[in-house]
Amino acid sequence: MDAGVVDAVTDASLYRQVMGSAFDALPPQVQALHAGCDARQWSGVARIRRGTGLLSRLVAAAIGFPKAAEQVPVTVAFTPERGGERWTRDFAGRRFSSWQRRGAGRNDALLVERFGAIDVALALVVEGERLTLVPRRWSCLGIPLPKALLPKGKTFETEVDGRFVFDVEIAAPIVGLIVAYRGSLLPD
């Protein structure tokens, strides 16, 4: 089953709006994290890896990604904003945020996540017990960027032992690994 069939109403949570009935196939903790429409916060621990090349370090620093470390306390605050959600991630005091919203036009049926001036349109795909986030296209200040340079990586969410588990990897052609972080969260 995959995302793309949008049959949800607009007062539903952001991920339910994007995924439609596919949302119901998600593991319980993944549904719980994405079911809210109000401000909420989840906390846990994460392991962070960073790329070692000059370009990857520059990109990671520009976005504000955390430095490589083991067993880092992490908090993610979700705040409603302009019809979407502001995700503020705090890795042991190192904070960065993005704004997620339902795609429109050419990004219909996709989740669009903004990091600064960059928008990345993501397909939300249910694969077994995982929600996989698949980059489809990107733009800077609304100007489409070449798909050949689109950042990629293996990014998914799942549930393990009753905890929400995330595994995010962001890499780009030429640049290589920018950042990868893996961990688990529970609601505060």
Foldseek 3Di string as FASTA:
>chain_A
DFADDADDDLVWFQVCRLRPPVLVQEPPQVCVVRGDPAKFKKKWWKFKDFDDDPLLQVVCVVLQPDYGDGGWIKMWIWHDDDSWTKTWIAGNNRIGIWTWHADDDVLHSWIWIDRPQKIWTWTFTDDRNKTWTFTDFMDGNPHTDDPQFDWGDTWIWGDDPRWIKTWDWTQTPPGGTNMIMIITIDTD
